Each structure stands twice: as C-alpha cells, then as structure tokens.
Amino acid sequence: MGLVGLGRMGGNMRARLRRAGHTIVGYDLDPGLSDAESLAAMVERLDRGPRVVWVMVPDRVVGAVVEDLAALLTDGDVIVDGGNSQWTHDGPRAEKLARVGIEYLDCGVSGGVWGITEGYALMVGGDARTIAKVQPILDALTPSGEFGFVHAGGHGAGHFAKMVHNGIEYAIMQSYAEGWELLEAAGHVTSVREIFTSWREGSVIRSWLLDLAVAALNEDEHLERLQGYAEDSGEGRWAVQAGLDLAVPVPAISGALFARFASRQENSPAMRMISAMRHQFGGHPIREVGDRHGESSAK
C-alpha cells in the first residue's frame, strides 16, 4: 500500500502496518521520512492490483493530493482518505473518482501517538465491496480486541463519525479541565493530582483521557509550565455547524469549542489542562510559559 503523509499519525501507522507484515511505501514532502522521491515513484512501486493509497494529510490539501493520485491510478484502484477531512467533501470526491474507475473510502482515525502500540479506532464510509479490498490493512491498524472498527455507512459517514467523536472529546476534556481548575482554586483541597489519580479506578468518570490528564499532572503537577491556550482542529466547528443544520442541540460541544476561543484571549487555568491532554494523546504542540506569541513547543 502507498501511504501519503508521514507525520505523527502517518509515520506511526506505517510502522504498525510493517510490523504486521504489510509492504508499505510511504511518501512525504520531507525526504528524510519518505520512501519514494515523488507520488509517481510511490505508485510505481505498488506492483500488485488493486493498488491502494492511504492519504494522511491536512484537510486543506487533500483535494490536491487526491487529484494528483487520480492521474496516476487506474480502474479498480482505491484511495482512502484517513485524515480529519470535512465530511461534506467525501460524496463529491467519491463521485468524481468513480467516473475514472477509482474507488474511494473516507476513514476517521482515532488513536493519536499511542496508536502505534494500542491500535487505532477506524470509522469507515463507503461501499462494503471496497472495504473488503482493504480489510487486511484495517485489521492490522485496529486494536487486538473486539472493538475499534466500524463500517459507518456511505461516503462521508466515516468522517462524519470522526467529527462527532472529536466533538465528544472536546466536551469530555472541557469537563475534566473545569473540574481540575475548581479543585485547584479550593484552598482546603491539597491533593488535586491525587484526587484525579484516585478516579482512575472504580469511578464512573474513569477514562483514557483521565489517565492522560494524570500523566500530564505527573509531569507538571500544577501545569505551571503551560500557557492556557488551546487550538481547535476543525472538527469541533463542523460538529456545531452540523448541530445547527440538523436542529440537534449540542450545548456541551459548542461550549467546549467556545471555551477554546476564549483561551486565546487570556491565560485560562482550565485551558492549561486542555493543552496538556491534547499533547498527551496526540502530540499536539504546546505553548510553554515564556514562549513568544505565535511560537509553540512540541516537546
């Protein structure tokens, strides 16, 4: 399989797939990461049909990459968009590719920097026949347990599911962050980190995100090294817009999104926790105290 985009997610996916015995030819604009000098050279090395190319690039460049690949692939080949793409683009993209015989899947991928060992949750949109062509790849990427893969529906359903997933993630992280700030503000509470740690067993709010919050607190107990600034990657905005379009109330998701906007105006304590958790699960850049405006650290 060809894999375009070898950043935090794509590079780890390549490694996991190779460990499972698959031959992966990766292409990236960074020649130090790339296995081929160009998209054309990558496709040329895919000598078995149907040829499959998985795309892991930002939404803003997916269209251009898919167009370039369409000129290189042939009837029966498959393109999988595994990035955080806007779901409204998938239907038209699939129709355009189908006119030249190329099949298309949209795949929401969750797992962050931990996916290389823990596996990735995959939410796939498209035809079952096309999914069957790439099922061995999907099986190698998903966790070893019973769950982690779903055929979400037709074209666009995979990215729509990932959009909702990330909207839920926004709301959960915001709740943890607000609770942490409330505990930190209470003068009679002296063991905030230990309280969060205690919730990891037996509590109804235990989760992997809670585990990652504790990991962040173990590195910096009061998150004093971080600025209270958190970016949004796009899916939160799209989820709120989908709520408006479908007349579905999403107050927790929208509140979490707006809280991130507010974080860019002041040094919010809760946003220090959001920043810490995003760095823990996804390796997202953080802003440490003392960083100049517009600069960040990916430590």
C-alpha atoms as a PDB file:
ATOM      1  CA  MET A   1       0.000   0.000   0.000  1.00  0.00           C
ATOM      2  CA  GLY A   2       1.059   3.566  -0.575  1.00  0.00           C
ATOM      3  CA  LEU A   3       0.824   5.967   2.374  1.00  0.00           C
ATOM      4  CA  VAL A   4       0.921   9.729   1.764  1.00  0.00           C
ATOM      5  CA  GLY A   5       1.772  11.866   4.795  1.00  0.00           C
ATOM      6  CA  LEU A   6       4.214  10.514   7.385  1.00  0.00           C
ATOM      7  CA  GLY A   7       3.693  12.907  10.295  1.00  0.00           C
ATOM      8  CA  ARG A   8       2.716  11.977  13.851  1.00  0.00           C
ATOM      9  CA  MET A   9      -0.113   9.697  12.729  1.00  0.00           C
ATOM     10  CA  GLY A  10       1.006   8.551   9.308  1.00  0.00           C
ATOM     11  CA  GLY A  11       4.529   7.639  10.358  1.00  0.00           C
ATOM     12  CA  ASN A  12       3.291   5.516  13.241  1.00  0.00           C
ATOM     13  CA  MET A  13       0.694   3.847  11.037  1.00  0.00           C
ATOM     14  CA  ARG A  14       3.406   2.895   8.565  1.00  0.00           C
ATOM     15  CA  ALA A  15       5.412   1.317  11.375  1.00  0.00           C
ATOM     16  CA  ARG A  16       2.421  -0.619  12.763  1.00  0.00           C
ATOM     17  CA  LEU A  17       1.479  -1.936   9.325  1.00  0.00           C
ATOM     18  CA  ARG A  18       5.031  -3.040   8.598  1.00  0.00           C
ATOM     19  CA  ARG A  19       5.185  -4.885  11.906  1.00  0.00           C
ATOM     20  CA  ALA A  20       2.054  -6.738  10.782  1.00  0.00           C
ATOM     21  CA  GLY A  21       3.864  -7.880   7.625  1.00  0.00           C
ATOM     22  CA  HIS A  22       2.476  -5.419   5.081  1.00  0.00           C
ATOM     23  CA  THR A  23       4.650  -3.746   2.464  1.00  0.00           C
ATOM     24  CA  ILE A  24       4.142  -0.003   2.839  1.00  0.00           C
ATOM     25  CA  VAL A  25       5.665   2.583   0.520  1.00  0.00           C
ATOM     26  CA  GLY A  26       5.444   5.995   2.156  1.00  0.00           C
ATOM     27  CA  TYR A  27       5.653   9.425   0.580  1.00  0.00           C
ATOM     28  CA  ASP A  28       6.151  12.703   2.407  1.00  0.00           C
ATOM     29  CA  LEU A  29       7.350  16.155   1.416  1.00  0.00           C
ATOM     30  CA  ASP A  30      10.143  15.643   3.959  1.00  0.00           C
ATOM     31  CA  PRO A  31      12.688  13.482   2.095  1.00  0.00           C
ATOM     32  CA  GLY A  32      14.046  12.263   5.417  1.00  0.00           C
ATOM     33  CA  LEU A  33      10.745  10.498   6.088  1.00  0.00           C
ATOM     34  CA  SER A  34       9.853   9.442   2.554  1.00  0.00           C
ATOM     35  CA  ASP A  35      10.397   6.033   0.907  1.00  0.00           C
ATOM     36  CA  ALA A  36       9.907   7.495  -2.575  1.00  0.00           C
ATOM     37  CA  GLU A  37      11.003  10.727  -4.200  1.00  0.00           C
ATOM     38  CA  SER A  38       7.543  11.559  -5.588  1.00  0.00           C
ATOM     39  CA  LEU A  39       3.921  10.431  -5.662  1.00  0.00           C
ATOM     40  CA  ALA A  40       4.527   8.926  -9.080  1.00  0.00           C
ATOM     41  CA  ALA A  41       7.523   6.968  -7.826  1.00  0.00           C
ATOM     42  CA  MET A  42       5.470   5.703  -4.870  1.00  0.00           C
ATOM     43  CA  VAL A  43       2.648   4.491  -7.129  1.00  0.00           C
ATOM     44  CA  GLU A  44       5.161   2.892  -9.497  1.00  0.00           C
ATOM     45  CA  ARG A  45       6.395   0.706  -6.648  1.00  0.00           C
ATOM     46  CA  LEU A  46       2.896  -0.648  -5.970  1.00  0.00           C
ATOM     47  CA  ASP A  47       3.163  -3.635  -8.272  1.00  0.00           C
ATOM     48  CA  ARG A  48       0.088  -5.599  -7.172  1.00  0.00           C
ATOM     49  CA  GLY A  49      -3.511  -4.798  -8.030  1.00  0.00           C
ATOM     50  CA  PRO A  50      -5.710  -3.371  -6.832  1.00  0.00           C
ATOM     51  CA  ARG A  51      -3.333  -0.624  -5.826  1.00  0.00           C
ATOM     52  CA  VAL A  52      -4.299   1.117  -2.603  1.00  0.00           C
ATOM     53  CA  VAL A  53      -3.121   4.534  -1.436  1.00  0.00           C
ATOM     54  CA  TRP A  54      -3.949   5.832   2.035  1.00  0.00           C
ATOM     55  CA  VAL A  55      -3.835   9.624   2.415  1.00  0.00           C
ATOM     56  CA  MET A  56      -2.971  11.166   5.827  1.00  0.00           C
ATOM     57  CA  VAL A  57      -2.628  14.876   5.100  1.00  0.00           C
ATOM     58  CA  PRO A  58      -4.420  18.025   6.366  1.00  0.00           C
ATOM     59  CA  ASP A  59      -7.892  18.744   5.013  1.00  0.00           C
ATOM     60  CA  ARG A  60      -6.708  21.830   3.153  1.00  0.00           C
ATOM     61  CA  VAL A  61      -4.506  19.771   0.804  1.00  0.00           C
ATOM     62  CA  VAL A  62      -6.490  16.520   0.488  1.00  0.00           C
ATOM     63  CA  GLY A  63      -8.200  17.651  -2.710  1.00  0.00           C
ATOM     64  CA  ALA A  64      -4.929  18.418  -4.488  1.00  0.00           C
ATOM     65  CA  VAL A  65      -3.321  15.141  -3.376  1.00  0.00           C
ATOM     66  CA  VAL A  66      -6.340  13.098  -4.491  1.00  0.00           C
ATOM     67  CA  GLU A  67      -6.360  14.805  -7.890  1.00  0.00           C
ATOM     68  CA  ASP A  68      -2.668  14.018  -8.365  1.00  0.00           C
ATOM     69  CA  LEU A  69      -3.256  10.393  -7.375  1.00  0.00           C
ATOM     70  CA  ALA A  70      -6.244  10.068  -9.713  1.00  0.00           C
ATOM     71  CA  ALA A  71      -3.941  10.831 -12.622  1.00  0.00           C
ATOM     72  CA  LEU A  72      -1.598   8.019 -11.545  1.00  0.00           C
ATOM     73  CA  LEU A  73      -4.048   5.246 -10.600  1.00  0.00           C
ATOM     74  CA  THR A  74      -6.291   3.104 -12.788  1.00  0.00           C
ATOM     75  CA  ASP A  75      -9.597   1.257 -12.820  1.00  0.00           C
ATOM     76  CA  GLY A  76     -10.206  -0.739  -9.621  1.00  0.00           C
ATOM     77  CA  ASP A  77      -7.577   1.046  -7.534  1.00  0.00           C
ATOM     78  CA  VAL A  78      -8.540   2.510  -4.146  1.00  0.00           C
ATOM     79  CA  ILE A  79      -7.873   5.814  -2.389  1.00  0.00           C
ATOM     80  CA  VAL A  80      -8.514   6.000   1.364  1.00  0.00           C
ATOM     81  CA  ASP A  81      -8.667   9.437   2.991  1.00  0.00           C
ATOM     82  CA  GLY A  82      -7.722   8.815   6.624  1.00  0.00           C
ATOM     83  CA  GLY A  83      -7.246  12.444   7.623  1.00  0.00           C
ATOM     84  CA  ASN A  84      -9.555  14.715   9.615  1.00  0.00           C
ATOM     85  CA  SER A  85     -11.346  15.863   6.497  1.00  0.00           C
ATOM     86  CA  GLN A  86     -14.675  17.660   6.261  1.00  0.00           C
ATOM     87  CA  TRP A  87     -17.300  15.027   5.539  1.00  0.00           C
ATOM     88  CA  THR A  88     -19.182  17.167   3.022  1.00  0.00           C
ATOM     89  CA  HIS A  89     -16.288  16.756   0.569  1.00  0.00           C
ATOM     90  CA  ASP A  90     -16.440  12.954   0.512  1.00  0.00           C
ATOM     91  CA  GLY A  91     -19.550  12.379  -1.604  1.00  0.00           C
ATOM     92  CA  PRO A  92     -18.470  14.658  -4.470  1.00  0.00           C
ATOM     93  CA  ARG A  93     -14.929  13.314  -4.263  1.00  0.00           C
ATOM     94  CA  ALA A  94     -16.139   9.708  -4.488  1.00  0.00           C
ATOM     95  CA  GLU A  95     -18.383  10.528  -7.461  1.00  0.00           C
ATOM     96  CA  LYS A  96     -15.570  12.252  -9.334  1.00  0.00           C
ATOM     97  CA  LEU A  97     -13.186   9.342  -8.775  1.00  0.00           C
ATOM     98  CA  ALA A  98     -15.817   6.795  -9.754  1.00  0.00           C
ATOM     99  CA  ARG A  99     -16.061   8.407 -13.200  1.00  0.00           C
ATOM    100  CA  VAL A 100     -12.484   7.215 -13.871  1.00  0.00           C
ATOM    101  CA  GLY A 101     -12.985   3.841 -12.161  1.00  0.00           C
ATOM    102  CA  ILE A 102     -11.168   4.639  -8.902  1.00  0.00           C
ATOM    103  CA  GLU A 103     -12.822   3.617  -5.650  1.00  0.00           C
ATOM    104  CA  TYR A 104     -12.825   5.799  -2.545  1.00  0.00           C
ATOM    105  CA  LEU A 105     -13.222   5.387   1.214  1.00  0.00           C
ATOM    106  CA  ASP A 106     -13.320   8.042   3.915  1.00  0.00           C
ATOM    107  CA  CYS A 107     -11.869   6.808   7.176  1.00  0.00           C
ATOM    108  CA  GLY A 108     -11.940   8.622  10.501  1.00  0.00           C
ATOM    109  CA  VAL A 109      -8.914   7.586  12.550  1.00  0.00           C
ATOM    110  CA  SER A 110      -8.527   7.964  16.315  1.00  0.00           C
ATOM    111  CA  GLY A 111      -5.573   6.859  18.398  1.00  0.00           C
ATOM    112  CA  GLY A 112      -3.110   9.709  18.381  1.00  0.00           C
ATOM    113  CA  VAL A 113       0.520   8.992  19.136  1.00  0.00           C
ATOM    114  CA  TRP A 114      -0.488   5.849  21.053  1.00  0.00           C
ATOM    115  CA  GLY A 115      -1.993   4.085  18.058  1.00  0.00           C
ATOM    116  CA  ILE A 116       1.302   2.511  17.030  1.00  0.00           C
ATOM    117  CA  THR A 117       1.080   0.179  20.043  1.00  0.00           C
ATOM    118  CA  GLU A 118      -2.576   0.366  21.158  1.00  0.00           C
ATOM    119  CA  GLY A 119      -4.152   0.323  17.705  1.00  0.00           C
ATOM    120  CA  TYR A 120      -6.459   2.829  16.020  1.00  0.00           C
ATOM    121  CA  ALA A 121     -10.227   3.221  16.094  1.00  0.00           C
ATOM    122  CA  LEU A 122     -11.362   3.315  12.470  1.00  0.00           C
ATOM    123  CA  MET A 123     -14.704   4.688  11.240  1.00  0.00           C
ATOM    124  CA  VAL A 124     -15.084   3.954   7.519  1.00  0.00           C
ATOM    125  CA  GLY A 125     -17.514   5.367   4.986  1.00  0.00           C
ATOM    126  CA  GLY A 126     -18.047   3.890   1.533  1.00  0.00           C
ATOM    127  CA  ASP A 127     -19.054   0.677  -0.219  1.00  0.00           C
ATOM    128  CA  ALA A 128     -18.684  -2.681   1.534  1.00  0.00           C
ATOM    129  CA  ARG A 129     -17.065  -4.119  -1.607  1.00  0.00           C
ATOM    130  CA  THR A 130     -14.309  -1.516  -1.460  1.00  0.00           C
ATOM    131  CA  ILE A 131     -13.795  -2.040   2.265  1.00  0.00           C
ATOM    132  CA  ALA A 132     -13.299  -5.755   1.591  1.00  0.00           C
ATOM    133  CA  LYS A 133     -10.382  -4.913  -0.700  1.00  0.00           C
ATOM    134  CA  VAL A 134      -8.510  -3.157   2.119  1.00  0.00           C
ATOM    135  CA  GLN A 135      -9.773  -5.209   5.083  1.00  0.00           C
ATOM    136  CA  PRO A 136      -6.325  -6.709   5.851  1.00  0.00           C
ATOM    137  CA  ILE A 137      -4.950  -3.178   6.261  1.00  0.00           C
ATOM    138  CA  LEU A 138      -7.862  -2.187   8.506  1.00  0.00           C
ATOM    139  CA  ASP A 139      -7.423  -5.324  10.604  1.00  0.00           C
ATOM    140  CA  ALA A 140      -3.735  -4.558  11.148  1.00  0.00           C
ATOM    141  CA  LEU A 141      -4.438  -0.992  12.261  1.00  0.00           C
ATOM    142  CA  THR A 142      -7.267  -1.685  14.703  1.00  0.00           C
ATOM    143  CA  PRO A 143      -6.748  -2.852  18.313  1.00  0.00           C
ATOM    144  CA  SER A 144      -6.446  -6.572  19.016  1.00  0.00           C
ATOM    145  CA  GLY A 145      -9.734  -6.702  20.956  1.00  0.00           C
ATOM    146  CA  GLU A 146     -13.325  -6.997  19.828  1.00  0.00           C
ATOM    147  CA  PHE A 147     -13.919  -3.330  19.015  1.00  0.00           C
ATOM    148  CA  GLY A 148     -12.247  -0.497  17.130  1.00  0.00           C
ATOM    149  CA  PHE A 149     -13.631  -0.835  13.591  1.00  0.00           C
ATOM    150  CA  VAL A 150     -16.988   0.181  12.139  1.00  0.00           C
ATOM    151  CA  HIS A 151     -18.413   0.487   8.639  1.00  0.00           C
ATOM    152  CA  ALA A 152     -20.216   3.735   9.456  1.00  0.00           C
ATOM    153  CA  GLY A 153     -22.271   3.994   6.262  1.00  0.00           C
ATOM    154  CA  GLY A 154     -21.945   5.507   2.808  1.00  0.00           C
ATOM    155  CA  HIS A 155     -19.437   8.064   1.591  1.00  0.00           C
ATOM    156  CA  GLY A 156     -18.993  10.781   4.206  1.00  0.00           C
ATOM    157  CA  ALA A 157     -20.191   8.662   7.121  1.00  0.00           C
ATOM    158  CA  GLY A 158     -16.680   7.830   8.293  1.00  0.00           C
ATOM    159  CA  HIS A 159     -15.580  11.443   8.531  1.00  0.00           C
ATOM    160  CA  PHE A 160     -18.944  12.467   9.990  1.00  0.00           C
ATOM    161  CA  ALA A 161     -18.495   9.857  12.739  1.00  0.00           C
ATOM    162  CA  LYS A 162     -14.966  11.117  13.437  1.00  0.00           C
ATOM    163  CA  MET A 163     -16.279  14.691  13.599  1.00  0.00           C
ATOM    164  CA  VAL A 164     -18.814  13.661  16.246  1.00  0.00           C
ATOM    165  CA  HIS A 165     -16.129  11.649  18.068  1.00  0.00           C
ATOM    166  CA  ASN A 166     -13.926  14.726  18.287  1.00  0.00           C
ATOM    167  CA  GLY A 167     -16.834  16.890  19.387  1.00  0.00           C
ATOM    168  CA  ILE A 168     -17.449  14.480  22.274  1.00  0.00           C
ATOM    169  CA  GLU A 169     -13.720  14.588  23.019  1.00  0.00           C
ATOM    170  CA  TYR A 170     -13.895  18.389  23.247  1.00  0.00           C
ATOM    171  CA  ALA A 171     -16.718  18.203  25.805  1.00  0.00           C
ATOM    172  CA  ILE A 172     -15.114  15.499  27.951  1.00  0.00           C
ATOM    173  CA  MET A 173     -11.790  17.326  28.114  1.00  0.00           C
ATOM    174  CA  GLN A 174     -13.542  20.574  28.979  1.00  0.00           C
ATOM    175  CA  SER A 175     -15.326  18.871  31.878  1.00  0.00           C
ATOM    176  CA  TYR A 176     -12.102  17.424  33.271  1.00  0.00           C
ATOM    177  CA  ALA A 177     -10.375  20.773  32.848  1.00  0.00           C
ATOM    178  CA  GLU A 178     -13.094  22.747  34.617  1.00  0.00           C
ATOM    179  CA  GLY A 179     -13.172  20.217  37.455  1.00  0.00           C
ATOM    180  CA  TRP A 180      -9.401  20.432  37.802  1.00  0.00           C
ATOM    181  CA  GLU A 181      -9.497  24.228  37.912  1.00  0.00           C
ATOM    182  CA  LEU A 182     -12.248  24.136  40.552  1.00  0.00           C
ATOM    183  CA  LEU A 183     -10.220  21.777  42.737  1.00  0.00           C
ATOM    184  CA  GLU A 184      -7.084  23.880  42.309  1.00  0.00           C
ATOM    185  CA  ALA A 185      -8.994  27.004  43.383  1.00  0.00           C
ATOM    186  CA  ALA A 186     -10.279  25.419  46.609  1.00  0.00           C
ATOM    187  CA  GLY A 187      -7.769  26.328  49.305  1.00  0.00           C
ATOM    188  CA  HIS A 188      -8.725  23.437  51.601  1.00  0.00           C
ATOM    189  CA  VAL A 189      -8.031  20.852  48.874  1.00  0.00           C
ATOM    190  CA  THR A 190      -4.351  19.931  48.944  1.00  0.00           C
ATOM    191  CA  SER A 191      -4.123  16.797  46.767  1.00  0.00           C
ATOM    192  CA  VAL A 192      -5.604  17.660  43.388  1.00  0.00           C
ATOM    193  CA  ARG A 193      -3.332  15.373  41.403  1.00  0.00           C
ATOM    194  CA  GLU A 194      -4.024  12.528  43.819  1.00  0.00           C
ATOM    195  CA  ILE A 195      -7.784  13.109  43.523  1.00  0.00           C
ATOM    196  CA  PHE A 196      -7.581  12.791  39.742  1.00  0.00           C
ATOM    197  CA  THR A 197      -5.448   9.683  40.175  1.00  0.00           C
ATOM    198  CA  SER A 198      -7.964   8.113  42.558  1.00  0.00           C
ATOM    199  CA  TRP A 199     -10.704   8.416  39.943  1.00  0.00           C
ATOM    200  CA  ARG A 200      -8.828   6.064  37.607  1.00  0.00           C
ATOM    201  CA  GLU A 201     -10.301   3.004  39.373  1.00  0.00           C
ATOM    202  CA  GLY A 202     -13.913   2.460  40.413  1.00  0.00           C
ATOM    203  CA  SER A 203     -15.179   5.899  39.403  1.00  0.00           C
ATOM    204  CA  VAL A 204     -17.916   6.295  36.787  1.00  0.00           C
ATOM    205  CA  ILE A 205     -15.858   9.070  35.134  1.00  0.00           C
ATOM    206  CA  ARG A 206     -12.730   6.974  34.618  1.00  0.00           C
ATOM    207  CA  SER A 207     -11.442   7.022  31.037  1.00  0.00           C
ATOM    208  CA  TRP A 208      -8.314   7.063  28.907  1.00  0.00           C
ATOM    209  CA  LEU A 209      -8.485  10.851  28.789  1.00  0.00           C
ATOM    210  CA  LEU A 210      -8.452  10.865  32.595  1.00  0.00           C
ATOM    211  CA  ASP A 211      -5.367   8.625  32.510  1.00  0.00           C
ATOM    212  CA  LEU A 212      -3.689  11.109  30.179  1.00  0.00           C
ATOM    213  CA  ALA A 213      -4.664  14.030  32.401  1.00  0.00           C
ATOM    214  CA  VAL A 214      -2.967  12.269  35.310  1.00  0.00           C
ATOM    215  CA  ALA A 215       0.102  11.623  33.155  1.00  0.00           C
ATOM    216  CA  ALA A 216       0.260  15.362  32.425  1.00  0.00           C
ATOM    217  CA  LEU A 217      -0.087  16.222  36.119  1.00  0.00           C
ATOM    218  CA  ASN A 218       2.694  13.776  36.971  1.00  0.00           C
ATOM    219  CA  GLU A 219       4.947  15.687  34.591  1.00  0.00           C
ATOM    220  CA  ASP A 220       3.922  19.143  35.876  1.00  0.00           C
ATOM    221  CA  GLU A 221       1.683  18.929  38.962  1.00  0.00           C
ATOM    222  CA  HIS A 222       0.086  22.361  38.628  1.00  0.00           C
ATOM    223  CA  LEU A 223       0.675  22.757  34.867  1.00  0.00           C
ATOM    224  CA  GLU A 224       2.704  25.838  35.608  1.00  0.00           C
ATOM    225  CA  ARG A 225       4.897  25.418  32.537  1.00  0.00           C
ATOM    226  CA  LEU A 226       1.966  25.712  30.122  1.00  0.00           C
ATOM    227  CA  GLN A 227       0.083  28.662  28.750  1.00  0.00           C
ATOM    228  CA  GLY A 228      -3.719  28.447  28.920  1.00  0.00           C
ATOM    229  CA  TYR A 229      -4.070  28.296  25.139  1.00  0.00           C
ATOM    230  CA  ALA A 230      -5.732  25.532  23.115  1.00  0.00           C
ATOM    231  CA  GLU A 231      -6.238  25.349  19.360  1.00  0.00           C
ATOM    232  CA  ASP A 232      -9.187  23.670  17.664  1.00  0.00           C
ATOM    233  CA  SER A 233      -8.534  21.367  14.729  1.00  0.00           C
ATOM    234  CA  GLY A 234     -11.758  21.997  12.809  1.00  0.00           C
ATOM    235  CA  GLU A 235     -13.994  19.070  13.761  1.00  0.00           C
ATOM    236  CA  GLY A 236     -15.486  20.932  16.732  1.00  0.00           C
ATOM    237  CA  ARG A 237     -16.612  23.771  14.470  1.00  0.00           C
ATOM    238  CA  TRP A 238     -18.032  21.316  11.940  1.00  0.00           C
ATOM    239  CA  ALA A 239     -19.897  19.429  14.689  1.00  0.00           C
ATOM    240  CA  VAL A 240     -21.513  22.621  15.949  1.00  0.00           C
ATOM    241  CA  GLN A 241     -22.445  23.546  12.372  1.00  0.00           C
ATOM    242  CA  ALA A 242     -23.943  20.067  11.850  1.00  0.00           C
ATOM    243  CA  GLY A 243     -25.986  20.573  15.009  1.00  0.00           C
ATOM    244  CA  LEU A 244     -27.335  23.810  13.558  1.00  0.00           C
ATOM    245  CA  ASP A 245     -28.045  22.217  10.181  1.00  0.00           C
ATOM    246  CA  LEU A 246     -29.849  19.217  11.716  1.00  0.00           C
ATOM    247  CA  ALA A 247     -31.553  21.152  14.547  1.00  0.00           C
ATOM    248  CA  VAL A 248     -29.785  18.973  17.123  1.00  0.00           C
ATOM    249  CA  PRO A 249     -28.808  20.778  20.353  1.00  0.00           C
ATOM    250  CA  VAL A 250     -25.108  20.332  21.153  1.00  0.00           C
ATOM    251  CA  PRO A 251     -24.567  22.694  24.121  1.00  0.00           C
ATOM    252  CA  ALA A 252     -21.662  20.756  25.677  1.00  0.00           C
ATOM    253  CA  ILE A 253     -19.729  20.543  22.406  1.00  0.00           C
ATOM    254  CA  SER A 254     -20.401  24.158  21.483  1.00  0.00           C
ATOM    255  CA  GLY A 255     -19.485  25.340  24.979  1.00  0.00           C
ATOM    256  CA  ALA A 256     -16.188  23.461  24.818  1.00  0.00           C
ATOM    257  CA  LEU A 257     -15.430  24.965  21.403  1.00  0.00           C
ATOM    258  CA  PHE A 258     -16.180  28.498  22.574  1.00  0.00           C
ATOM    259  CA  ALA A 259     -14.029  27.925  25.666  1.00  0.00           C
ATOM    260  CA  ARG A 260     -11.096  27.276  23.343  1.00  0.00           C
ATOM    261  CA  PHE A 261     -11.794  30.547  21.582  1.00  0.00           C
ATOM    262  CA  ALA A 262     -11.784  32.273  24.982  1.00  0.00           C
ATOM    263  CA  SER A 263      -8.438  30.649  25.801  1.00  0.00           C
ATOM    264  CA  ARG A 264      -6.786  32.724  23.102  1.00  0.00           C
ATOM    265  CA  GLN A 265      -7.751  35.907  24.891  1.00  0.00           C
ATOM    266  CA  GLU A 266      -6.381  35.121  28.358  1.00  0.00           C
ATOM    267  CA  ASN A 267      -4.244  32.595  30.213  1.00  0.00           C
ATOM    268  CA  SER A 268      -7.002  30.244  31.341  1.00  0.00           C
ATOM    269  CA  PRO A 269      -6.121  27.622  34.009  1.00  0.00           C
ATOM    270  CA  ALA A 270      -8.623  25.146  32.531  1.00  0.00           C
ATOM    271  CA  MET A 271      -7.039  25.565  29.105  1.00  0.00           C
ATOM    272  CA  ARG A 272      -3.668  24.578  30.555  1.00  0.00           C
ATOM    273  CA  MET A 273      -5.240  21.178  31.274  1.00  0.00           C
ATOM    274  CA  ILE A 274      -6.808  21.021  27.780  1.00  0.00           C
ATOM    275  CA  SER A 275      -3.408  21.812  26.258  1.00  0.00           C
ATOM    276  CA  ALA A 276      -1.745  19.182  28.446  1.00  0.00           C
ATOM    277  CA  MET A 277      -4.234  16.443  27.488  1.00  0.00           C
ATOM    278  CA  ARG A 278      -4.039  17.261  23.761  1.00  0.00           C
ATOM    279  CA  HIS A 279      -0.265  16.973  23.961  1.00  0.00           C
ATOM    280  CA  GLN A 280      -0.519  13.667  25.816  1.00  0.00           C
ATOM    281  CA  PHE A 281      -2.822  11.877  23.370  1.00  0.00           C
ATOM    282  CA  GLY A 282      -1.954  13.494  20.066  1.00  0.00           C
ATOM    283  CA  GLY A 283       1.461  15.082  20.442  1.00  0.00           C
ATOM    284  CA  HIS A 284      -0.147  18.418  19.598  1.00  0.00           C
ATOM    285  CA  PRO A 285       2.174  21.418  20.052  1.00  0.00           C
ATOM    286  CA  ILE A 286       2.002  23.230  23.377  1.00  0.00           C
ATOM    287  CA  ARG A 287       2.857  26.766  24.410  1.00  0.00           C
ATOM    288  CA  GLU A 288       5.060  26.940  27.448  1.00  0.00           C
ATOM    289  CA  VAL A 289       5.291  29.928  29.740  1.00  0.00           C
ATOM    290  CA  GLY A 290       7.817  32.321  28.197  1.00  0.00           C
ATOM    291  CA  ASP A 291       7.115  31.334  24.602  1.00  0.00           C
ATOM    292  CA  ARG A 292       6.690  34.351  22.387  1.00  0.00           C
ATOM    293  CA  HIS A 293       3.267  34.856  20.799  1.00  0.00           C
ATOM    294  CA  GLY A 294       2.793  32.535  17.860  1.00  0.00           C
ATOM    295  CA  GLU A 295       5.534  30.128  18.873  1.00  0.00           C
ATOM    296  CA  SER A 296       4.957  26.699  20.365  1.00  0.00           C
ATOM    297  CA  SER A 297       6.831  23.681  21.599  1.00  0.00           C
ATOM    298  CA  ALA A 298       6.287  20.078  20.540  1.00  0.00           C
ATOM    299  CA  LYS A 299       8.279  18.557  23.375  1.00  0.00           C
END
